[in-house]
């Protein structure tokens, strides 16, 4: 029998064996690159992102407002969270998801990572420390934009799957883009637009501004693009790809998802035009439609896929989608009643932490270990503790922020800092979980060498 196996192996053409080895090496390389992207995201999530955010919150609580706090400092925190954390994860998963092509098999992925890391670092130094900011601010913008262009170029080399035309007698083929992919592409375009605007305003501030901070009016509209143009469709798109399978519900309603994205885009355009009272109901409608399209709140028809993670996974996933709707509803309240930016702050926090961060920390432990080439999550209990802390911290922050900022309840100023420390604990646990998972678990590629 062994002789037959040896003879059969000898009959395999060397070209096939070489191709298999090349593919295996490519998969190993993708996993290593994904770990680099995740490491970059963890760094900016923990240090410039969350720790800087907690510092901001302590100063705001101490002064009962934004008095004496630099807008550039606050914007540096937001940039680190949105692009440093979420953006790094997006680009990493994006490169990982691409099949082997000439574009992503060479030095392009590491070049893109280097540009992105340099841009994030320069922006942090410019905004948080004012370090040669008239040079570092526009330089950070152009390097981040170049990294995004390289990513989009690599993605464009991937051919879409083809399906036969169902018209009788037709033999032609056409590319098929699923609704979830359409949604991700919308998010990618919004991310590119946000980076282009970030570069343009950085150049403007460097030439004519007195600080690296974006003007308040522009920043308010820019945040609509970041939150509802980039982040929300990003999560909706990947949710449509994975969530119905993970939750055990029926397949996604593609038409409803497309309608949600269309309504969302109108809401984003209206919000960026400054018509908040018209934009916020549209964004709330889009949030409800997106949740309905993925059947998030419907009764499952089969058990949820929770092997290797905590059994609370389905509950926290639904809580995250509830936060997206709450964020939009608070936005309607803010458009009519906000005076001191407290209600708007609560709405944005509900979206970015309650929805986006909670979704990342819920779904991430389910998919990232597999993508990164390791055998499983380090600790399901640590996952539960992370999600509980983040949920409690977010609920406290979203409740207290409008009460404090708008002057409804003076005691809320004393409670606000606790929300920051609780969320910081969640972020540190999530980071520790990923580090322990990627460094201590055996690689799934170990037997392929």
Protein backbone atom coordinates (compact mmCIF):
# COMPACT_ATOMS: atom_id res chain seq x y z
CA UNK A 1 0.00 0.00 0.00
CA UNK A 2 2.82 2.42 0.87
CA UNK A 3 4.54 1.53 -2.42
CA UNK A 4 1.37 2.41 -4.32
CA UNK A 5 1.12 5.74 -2.44
CA UNK A 6 4.73 6.60 -3.29
CA UNK A 7 4.17 5.73 -6.95
CA UNK A 8 0.98 7.82 -7.01
CA UNK A 9 2.79 10.76 -5.42
CA UNK A 10 5.55 10.53 -8.03
CA UNK A 11 2.93 10.79 -10.75
CA UNK A 12 1.81 14.25 -9.51
CA UNK A 13 3.28 16.88 -11.87
CA UNK A 14 5.89 19.13 -10.32
CA UNK A 15 3.91 22.15 -11.49
CA UNK A 16 0.92 21.13 -9.31
CA UNK A 17 3.12 20.49 -6.28
CA UNK A 18 4.85 23.82 -6.77
CA UNK A 19 1.51 25.59 -7.11
CA UNK A 20 0.23 24.01 -3.89
CA UNK A 21 3.34 25.11 -2.02
CA UNK A 22 3.02 28.62 -3.41
CA UNK A 23 -0.63 28.77 -2.36
CA UNK A 24 0.24 27.51 1.13
CA UNK A 25 2.97 30.12 1.47
CA UNK A 26 0.55 32.77 0.26
CA UNK A 27 -2.01 31.74 2.91
CA UNK A 28 0.68 31.84 5.61
CA UNK A 29 1.74 35.27 4.41
CA UNK A 30 -1.85 36.53 4.52
CA UNK A 31 -2.22 35.35 8.10
CA UNK A 32 1.03 37.03 9.12
CA UNK A 33 -0.06 40.27 7.47
CA UNK A 34 -3.45 40.09 9.18
CA UNK A 35 -1.69 39.80 12.52
CA UNK A 36 0.28 42.94 11.70
CA UNK A 37 -2.91 44.82 10.88
CA UNK A 38 -4.59 43.56 14.05
CA UNK A 39 -1.56 44.52 16.15
CA UNK A 40 -1.67 48.02 14.65
CA UNK A 41 -5.39 48.26 15.37
CA UNK A 42 -4.94 47.08 18.96
CA UNK A 43 -2.22 49.69 19.57
CA UNK A 44 -4.35 52.59 18.35
CA UNK A 45 -7.47 51.20 20.03
CA UNK A 46 -5.77 51.07 23.45
CA UNK A 47 -3.28 53.95 23.60
CA UNK A 48 -4.22 56.92 21.38
CA UNK A 49 -7.83 55.76 21.20
CA UNK A 50 -9.30 54.66 24.51
CA UNK A 51 -6.73 55.96 27.00
CA UNK A 52 -6.72 59.35 25.30
CA UNK A 53 -10.51 59.25 25.31
CA UNK A 54 -10.66 58.52 29.04
CA UNK A 55 -8.25 61.41 29.64
CA UNK A 56 -10.54 63.67 27.62
CA UNK A 57 -13.55 62.51 29.64
CA UNK A 58 -11.80 63.17 32.96
CA UNK A 59 -10.91 66.71 31.88
CA UNK A 60 -14.43 67.37 30.60
CA UNK A 61 -15.95 66.07 33.84
CA UNK A 62 -13.57 68.12 35.97
CA UNK A 63 -14.39 71.35 34.12
CA UNK A 64 -18.08 70.47 33.55
CA UNK A 65 -17.62 71.06 29.84
CA UNK A 66 -15.10 71.52 27.07
CA UNK A 67 -13.48 74.59 28.65
CA UNK A 68 -9.71 74.48 28.23
CA UNK A 69 -9.81 71.21 26.26
CA UNK A 70 -8.25 71.37 22.79
CA UNK A 71 -10.58 70.32 19.94
CA UNK A 72 -7.48 68.93 18.20
CA UNK A 73 -6.95 66.60 21.17
CA UNK A 74 -10.52 65.31 20.95
CA UNK A 75 -10.31 64.87 17.18
CA UNK A 76 -7.02 62.97 17.51
CA UNK A 77 -8.81 60.52 19.81
CA UNK A 78 -11.62 60.04 17.29
CA UNK A 79 -9.21 59.59 14.39
CA UNK A 80 -7.31 56.91 16.31
CA UNK A 81 -10.52 55.03 17.11
CA UNK A 82 -12.13 55.22 13.67
CA UNK A 83 -9.12 54.82 11.38
CA UNK A 84 -6.47 53.49 13.77
CA UNK A 85 -8.63 50.71 15.19
CA UNK A 86 -11.56 50.01 12.86
CA UNK A 87 -9.76 51.13 9.70
CA UNK A 88 -6.79 48.86 10.42
CA UNK A 89 -9.08 45.89 11.01
CA UNK A 90 -10.99 46.68 7.79
CA UNK A 91 -7.87 46.87 5.63
CA UNK A 92 -6.40 43.76 7.26
CA UNK A 93 -9.52 41.66 6.71
CA UNK A 94 -9.85 43.14 3.24
CA UNK A 95 -6.37 42.02 2.21
CA UNK A 96 -6.93 38.64 3.85
CA UNK A 97 -10.17 38.09 1.91
CA UNK A 98 -8.55 38.68 -1.47
CA UNK A 99 -7.43 35.67 -3.51
CA UNK A 100 -3.87 35.43 -4.78
CA UNK A 101 -3.17 37.97 -7.52
CA UNK A 102 -0.06 39.70 -8.80
CA UNK A 103 -1.09 42.84 -6.89
CA UNK A 104 -1.29 41.32 -3.40
CA UNK A 105 1.38 38.64 -3.72
CA UNK A 106 4.33 41.03 -3.70
CA UNK A 107 5.30 44.00 -1.57
CA UNK A 108 2.03 45.91 -1.93
CA UNK A 109 0.39 44.68 1.35
CA UNK A 110 3.40 45.56 3.53
CA UNK A 111 3.80 48.89 1.71
CA UNK A 112 0.17 49.67 2.36
CA UNK A 113 0.56 48.72 6.05
CA UNK A 114 3.67 50.89 6.41
CA UNK A 115 1.98 53.92 4.87
CA UNK A 116 -1.12 53.45 7.00
CA UNK A 117 0.90 53.06 10.22
CA UNK A 118 3.00 56.13 9.38
CA UNK A 119 -0.08 58.22 8.59
CA UNK A 120 -1.85 57.26 11.82
CA UNK A 121 1.24 58.00 13.90
CA UNK A 122 1.82 61.37 12.27
CA UNK A 123 -1.82 62.35 12.77
CA UNK A 124 -1.61 61.41 16.44
CA UNK A 125 1.55 63.47 16.90
CA UNK A 126 0.04 66.43 15.06
CA UNK A 127 -3.33 66.45 16.82
CA UNK A 128 -2.45 65.33 20.32
CA UNK A 129 0.99 66.89 20.73
CA UNK A 130 1.05 69.62 18.03
CA UNK A 131 4.41 68.21 16.91
CA UNK A 132 5.39 70.20 13.80
CA UNK A 133 1.72 69.97 12.94
CA UNK A 134 1.85 72.23 9.87
CA UNK A 135 3.98 69.53 8.26
CA UNK A 136 2.86 66.33 9.98
CA UNK A 137 -0.89 66.97 9.58
CA UNK A 138 -1.01 67.16 5.75
CA UNK A 139 1.71 64.50 5.52
CA UNK A 140 -0.39 62.13 7.61
CA UNK A 141 -3.38 62.79 5.37
CA UNK A 142 -1.56 62.02 2.14
CA UNK A 143 0.06 58.81 3.47
CA UNK A 144 -3.28 57.47 4.73
CA UNK A 145 -4.92 58.34 1.41
CA UNK A 146 -2.14 56.60 -0.54
CA UNK A 147 -2.55 53.49 1.62
CA UNK A 148 -6.28 53.45 0.86
CA UNK A 149 -5.63 53.84 -2.86
CA UNK A 150 -3.21 50.88 -2.78
CA UNK A 151 -5.82 48.80 -0.98
CA UNK A 152 -8.51 49.68 -3.52
CA UNK A 153 -6.11 48.88 -6.36
CA UNK A 154 -5.39 45.44 -4.90
CA UNK A 155 -9.11 44.82 -4.40
CA UNK A 156 -9.87 45.85 -7.99
CA UNK A 157 -7.68 43.00 -9.30
CA UNK A 158 -10.08 40.46 -7.83
CA UNK A 159 -12.56 39.22 -10.43
CA UNK A 160 -16.16 38.98 -9.31
CA UNK A 161 -17.91 35.59 -9.58
CA UNK A 162 -19.85 35.12 -12.78
CA UNK A 163 -23.33 33.70 -13.17
CA UNK A 164 -25.10 32.49 -16.26
CA UNK A 165 -27.77 34.76 -17.71
CA UNK A 166 -31.15 33.14 -17.06
CA UNK A 167 -32.70 34.68 -20.20
CA UNK A 168 -33.70 31.88 -22.62
CA UNK A 169 -31.15 31.41 -25.35
CA UNK A 170 -28.61 33.70 -23.69
CA UNK A 171 -25.11 32.31 -23.19
CA UNK A 172 -23.32 35.41 -21.92
CA UNK A 173 -21.96 35.70 -18.41
CA UNK A 174 -22.36 38.64 -16.04
CA UNK A 175 -20.66 39.60 -12.82
CA UNK A 176 -22.75 39.22 -9.70
CA UNK A 177 -22.36 41.51 -6.71
CA UNK A 178 -24.30 40.33 -3.66
CA UNK A 179 -26.15 42.93 -1.54
CA UNK A 180 -23.71 42.46 1.35
CA UNK A 181 -20.79 43.20 -0.96
CA UNK A 182 -22.57 46.23 -2.39
CA UNK A 183 -22.93 47.53 1.16
CA UNK A 184 -19.25 46.98 1.92
CA UNK A 185 -18.31 48.78 -1.30
CA UNK A 186 -20.46 51.74 -0.25
CA UNK A 187 -18.59 51.77 3.06
CA UNK A 188 -15.22 51.59 1.29
CA UNK A 189 -16.16 54.54 -0.92
CA UNK A 190 -17.24 56.53 2.16
CA UNK A 191 -13.94 55.66 3.85
CA UNK A 192 -12.03 56.88 0.79
CA UNK A 193 -14.09 60.08 0.69
CA UNK A 194 -13.51 60.65 4.41
CA UNK A 195 -9.75 60.22 3.97
CA UNK A 196 -9.75 62.58 0.98
CA UNK A 197 -11.62 65.22 2.98
CA UNK A 198 -9.29 64.65 5.93
CA UNK A 199 -6.30 65.31 3.66
CA UNK A 200 -7.89 68.41 2.11
CA UNK A 201 -8.84 69.96 5.45
CA UNK A 202 -5.39 69.09 6.81
CA UNK A 203 -3.74 71.03 4.00
CA UNK A 204 -6.11 73.93 4.56
CA UNK A 205 -5.42 74.05 8.30
CA UNK A 206 -1.67 73.77 7.76
CA UNK A 207 -1.72 76.73 5.38
CA UNK A 208 -4.28 79.02 6.98
CA UNK A 209 -5.37 77.64 10.37
CA UNK A 210 -4.17 78.46 13.87
CA UNK A 211 -4.57 74.87 15.16
CA UNK A 212 -4.69 71.40 13.56
CA UNK A 213 -8.33 71.01 14.62
CA UNK A 214 -11.03 70.86 11.96
CA UNK A 215 -13.48 73.81 12.10
CA UNK A 216 -16.51 72.97 14.26
CA UNK A 217 -19.10 73.31 11.50
CA UNK A 218 -17.14 71.11 9.11
CA UNK A 219 -16.44 68.59 11.87
CA UNK A 220 -20.14 68.15 12.69
CA UNK A 221 -20.89 67.23 9.08
CA UNK A 222 -17.73 65.14 8.73
CA UNK A 223 -18.82 63.00 11.69
CA UNK A 224 -22.05 62.14 9.85
CA UNK A 225 -19.97 60.73 7.00
CA UNK A 226 -17.75 58.77 9.38
CA UNK A 227 -20.55 57.35 11.52
CA UNK A 228 -23.37 56.66 9.08
CA UNK A 229 -21.50 56.69 5.77
CA UNK A 230 -18.47 54.58 6.66
CA UNK A 231 -18.95 52.70 9.94
CA UNK A 232 -22.65 51.74 9.87
CA UNK A 233 -22.68 50.34 6.29
CA UNK A 234 -19.42 48.55 7.04
CA UNK A 235 -21.00 46.62 9.90
CA UNK A 236 -24.23 46.08 7.96
CA UNK A 237 -22.33 44.63 5.02
CA UNK A 238 -20.26 42.15 6.99
CA UNK A 239 -23.27 41.34 9.16
CA UNK A 240 -25.28 40.42 6.08
CA UNK A 241 -22.46 38.05 5.12
CA UNK A 242 -22.08 36.30 8.50
CA UNK A 243 -24.81 37.15 11.02
CA UNK A 244 -27.73 35.08 9.63
CA UNK A 245 -25.43 32.04 9.62
CA UNK A 246 -24.10 32.73 13.12
CA UNK A 247 -27.56 33.42 14.61
CA UNK A 248 -29.28 30.53 12.87
CA UNK A 249 -31.93 32.72 11.23
CA UNK A 250 -33.18 32.73 7.64
CA UNK A 251 -31.02 34.30 4.90
CA UNK A 252 -30.73 38.05 4.65
CA UNK A 253 -33.42 40.03 2.85
CA UNK A 254 -31.25 41.48 0.11
CA UNK A 255 -33.79 43.97 -1.22
CA UNK A 256 -34.46 45.34 2.26
CA UNK A 257 -30.73 45.75 2.87
CA UNK A 258 -30.36 47.64 -0.41
CA UNK A 259 -33.27 49.89 0.59
CA UNK A 260 -31.63 50.49 3.99
CA UNK A 261 -28.38 51.55 2.33
CA UNK A 262 -30.21 53.82 -0.13
CA UNK A 263 -32.11 55.56 2.68
CA UNK A 264 -28.91 55.81 4.71
CA UNK A 265 -27.05 57.48 1.84
CA UNK A 266 -29.82 60.05 1.46
CA UNK A 267 -29.63 60.65 5.21
CA UNK A 268 -25.84 61.07 5.09
CA UNK A 269 -26.04 63.49 2.17
CA UNK A 270 -28.76 65.47 3.95
CA UNK A 271 -26.77 65.52 7.18
CA UNK A 272 -23.61 66.68 5.44
CA UNK A 273 -25.67 69.47 3.89
CA UNK A 274 -26.50 70.63 7.43
CA UNK A 275 -30.18 69.58 7.53
CA UNK A 276 -30.00 67.50 10.71
CA UNK A 277 -33.75 67.57 11.36
CA UNK A 278 -34.34 65.92 7.99
CA UNK A 279 -31.34 63.60 8.13
CA UNK A 280 -31.88 61.96 11.51
CA UNK A 281 -35.30 60.37 10.75
CA UNK A 282 -33.82 58.96 7.54
CA UNK A 283 -30.87 57.46 9.46
CA UNK A 284 -33.24 55.97 12.03
CA UNK A 285 -35.30 54.41 9.23
CA UNK A 286 -32.14 52.97 7.69
CA UNK A 287 -31.06 51.47 11.03
CA UNK A 288 -34.43 49.73 11.47
CA UNK A 289 -34.44 48.45 7.88
CA UNK A 290 -30.88 47.13 8.21
CA UNK A 291 -31.75 45.15 11.35
CA UNK A 292 -34.90 43.83 9.69
CA UNK A 293 -33.00 42.80 6.57
CA UNK A 294 -30.72 40.55 8.63
CA UNK A 295 -33.58 39.20 10.78
CA UNK A 296 -31.56 40.08 13.88
CA UNK A 297 -34.60 40.15 16.17
CA UNK A 298 -36.42 37.19 14.59
CA UNK A 299 -36.76 33.81 16.25
CA UNK A 300 -33.95 31.49 14.99
CA UNK A 301 -34.83 28.36 13.08
CA UNK A 302 -31.65 26.50 14.15
CA UNK A 303 -29.12 26.78 16.99
CA UNK A 304 -26.66 29.65 16.88
CA UNK A 305 -23.02 28.85 16.07
CA UNK A 306 -21.26 29.42 19.40
CA UNK A 307 -18.65 26.66 19.37
CA UNK A 308 -15.40 28.01 20.79
CA UNK A 309 -16.92 31.28 22.00
CA UNK A 310 -19.26 32.30 24.82
CA UNK A 311 -22.89 31.22 24.65
CA UNK A 312 -24.01 34.84 25.14
CA UNK A 313 -22.84 35.65 21.58
CA UNK A 314 -26.37 35.88 20.07
CA UNK A 315 -27.63 38.13 22.89
CA UNK A 316 -24.80 40.65 22.58
CA UNK A 317 -25.12 40.69 18.81
CA UNK A 318 -28.78 41.65 19.17
CA UNK A 319 -27.90 44.22 21.86
CA UNK A 320 -25.46 45.82 19.42
CA UNK A 321 -28.17 46.21 16.78
CA UNK A 322 -30.52 47.64 19.39
CA UNK A 323 -27.84 50.25 20.10
CA UNK A 324 -27.76 51.25 16.42
CA UNK A 325 -31.47 52.04 16.53
CA UNK A 326 -31.12 53.82 19.89
CA UNK A 327 -28.26 55.91 18.48
CA UNK A 328 -30.43 57.03 15.57
CA UNK A 329 -33.40 57.85 17.83
CA UNK A 330 -31.18 59.90 20.17
CA UNK A 331 -29.97 61.67 17.03
CA UNK A 332 -33.54 62.79 16.31
CA UNK A 333 -33.76 64.11 19.88
CA UNK A 334 -30.44 65.91 19.43
CA UNK A 335 -31.47 67.55 16.17
CA UNK A 336 -34.36 69.29 17.98
CA UNK A 337 -33.16 69.72 21.57
CA UNK A 338 -29.34 69.71 21.79
CA UNK A 339 -27.72 72.89 23.11
CA UNK A 340 -24.33 71.93 24.58
CA UNK A 341 -23.50 68.90 22.39
CA UNK A 342 -24.44 66.42 25.13
CA UNK A 343 -27.29 64.74 23.29
CA UNK A 344 -25.26 64.57 20.10
CA UNK A 345 -22.42 63.05 22.12
CA UNK A 346 -24.73 60.40 23.52
CA UNK A 347 -25.99 59.55 20.04
CA UNK A 348 -22.48 59.21 18.61
CA UNK A 349 -21.30 57.15 21.55
CA UNK A 350 -24.27 54.81 21.19
CA UNK A 351 -23.35 54.33 17.53
CA UNK A 352 -19.56 54.04 17.80
CA UNK A 353 -19.30 52.09 21.06
CA UNK A 354 -22.72 50.51 21.54
CA UNK A 355 -23.06 49.38 17.93
CA UNK A 356 -19.68 49.40 16.17
CA UNK A 357 -17.32 48.46 19.03
CA UNK A 358 -19.73 45.94 20.53
CA UNK A 359 -20.17 44.27 17.13
CA UNK A 360 -16.41 44.11 16.60
CA UNK A 361 -15.84 42.63 20.06
CA UNK A 362 -18.73 40.17 19.58
CA UNK A 363 -18.03 38.94 16.05
CA UNK A 364 -14.24 39.42 16.17
CA UNK A 365 -13.59 36.50 18.54
CA UNK A 366 -15.71 34.34 16.21
CA UNK A 367 -13.80 35.07 12.99
CA UNK A 368 -10.39 36.64 13.69
CA UNK A 369 -8.69 33.54 15.17
CA UNK A 370 -9.59 31.57 12.05
CA UNK A 371 -8.45 34.35 9.73
CA UNK A 372 -5.16 34.76 11.57
CA UNK A 373 -4.37 31.05 11.34
CA UNK A 374 -4.79 30.00 14.97
CA UNK A 375 -6.90 27.20 16.36
CA UNK A 376 -9.33 29.06 18.57
CA UNK A 377 -10.19 31.78 21.06
CA UNK A 378 -8.10 31.98 24.23
CA UNK A 379 -10.96 32.38 26.72
CA UNK A 380 -14.74 32.40 26.27
CA UNK A 381 -15.19 33.77 29.80
CA UNK A 382 -12.89 36.68 29.03
CA UNK A 383 -15.05 37.36 25.95
CA UNK A 384 -18.18 37.53 28.15
CA UNK A 385 -16.49 39.84 30.66
CA UNK A 386 -15.37 42.12 27.82
CA UNK A 387 -18.85 42.38 26.33
CA UNK A 388 -20.48 42.95 29.72
CA UNK A 389 -18.07 45.72 30.65
CA UNK A 390 -18.46 47.44 27.29
CA UNK A 391 -22.26 47.24 27.45
CA UNK A 392 -22.44 48.59 31.00
CA UNK A 393 -19.93 51.36 30.30
CA UNK A 394 -21.74 52.40 27.13
CA UNK A 395 -25.15 52.44 28.84
CA UNK A 396 -23.74 54.59 31.63
CA UNK A 397 -22.07 57.01 29.20
CA UNK A 398 -25.06 57.39 26.88
CA UNK A 399 -27.39 57.97 29.85
CA UNK A 400 -25.17 60.39 31.76
CA UNK A 401 -23.78 62.48 28.89
CA UNK A 402 -27.02 64.28 27.95
CA UNK A 403 -27.91 64.74 31.63
CA UNK A 404 -24.53 66.31 32.41
CA UNK A 405 -23.80 68.38 29.32
CA UNK A 406 -27.31 69.76 28.94
CA UNK A 407 -27.59 70.64 32.65
CA UNK A 408 -30.43 68.25 33.47
CA UNK A 409 -28.66 66.61 36.44
CA UNK A 410 -25.51 67.87 38.16
CA UNK A 411 -24.64 64.47 39.67
CA UNK A 412 -24.08 63.06 36.16
CA UNK A 413 -20.71 64.84 35.98
CA UNK A 414 -19.45 62.66 38.82
CA UNK A 415 -20.73 59.46 37.22
CA UNK A 416 -19.35 60.09 33.74
CA UNK A 417 -15.69 59.19 34.52
CA UNK A 418 -16.74 55.74 35.74
CA UNK A 419 -18.20 54.97 32.32
CA UNK A 420 -14.82 55.75 30.76
CA UNK A 421 -12.91 53.47 33.12
CA UNK A 422 -15.40 50.63 32.63
CA UNK A 423 -15.07 50.90 28.85
CA UNK A 424 -11.29 51.09 29.20
CA UNK A 425 -11.41 47.81 31.10
CA UNK A 426 -13.38 46.24 28.23
CA UNK A 427 -10.89 47.51 25.65
CA UNK A 428 -7.90 46.20 27.64
CA UNK A 429 -9.55 42.79 28.05
CA UNK A 430 -10.32 42.61 24.34
CA UNK A 431 -6.74 43.51 23.47
CA UNK A 432 -5.40 40.95 25.95
CA UNK A 433 -7.73 38.31 24.50
CA UNK A 434 -6.40 38.85 20.98
CA UNK A 435 -2.77 38.92 22.09
CA UNK A 436 -3.11 35.69 24.07
CA UNK A 437 -5.06 34.05 21.27
CA UNK A 438 -2.55 34.85 18.54
CA UNK A 439 0.58 34.09 20.58
CA UNK A 440 -0.35 30.97 22.56
CA UNK A 441 -2.57 28.92 20.28
CA UNK A 442 -0.96 26.55 17.72
CA UNK A 443 -1.07 27.67 14.10
CA UNK A 444 -3.44 25.83 11.78
CA UNK A 445 -0.68 25.97 9.16
CA UNK A 446 1.76 24.00 11.31
CA UNK A 447 1.04 20.76 9.51
CA UNK A 448 1.28 22.32 6.05
CA UNK A 449 4.97 23.24 6.19
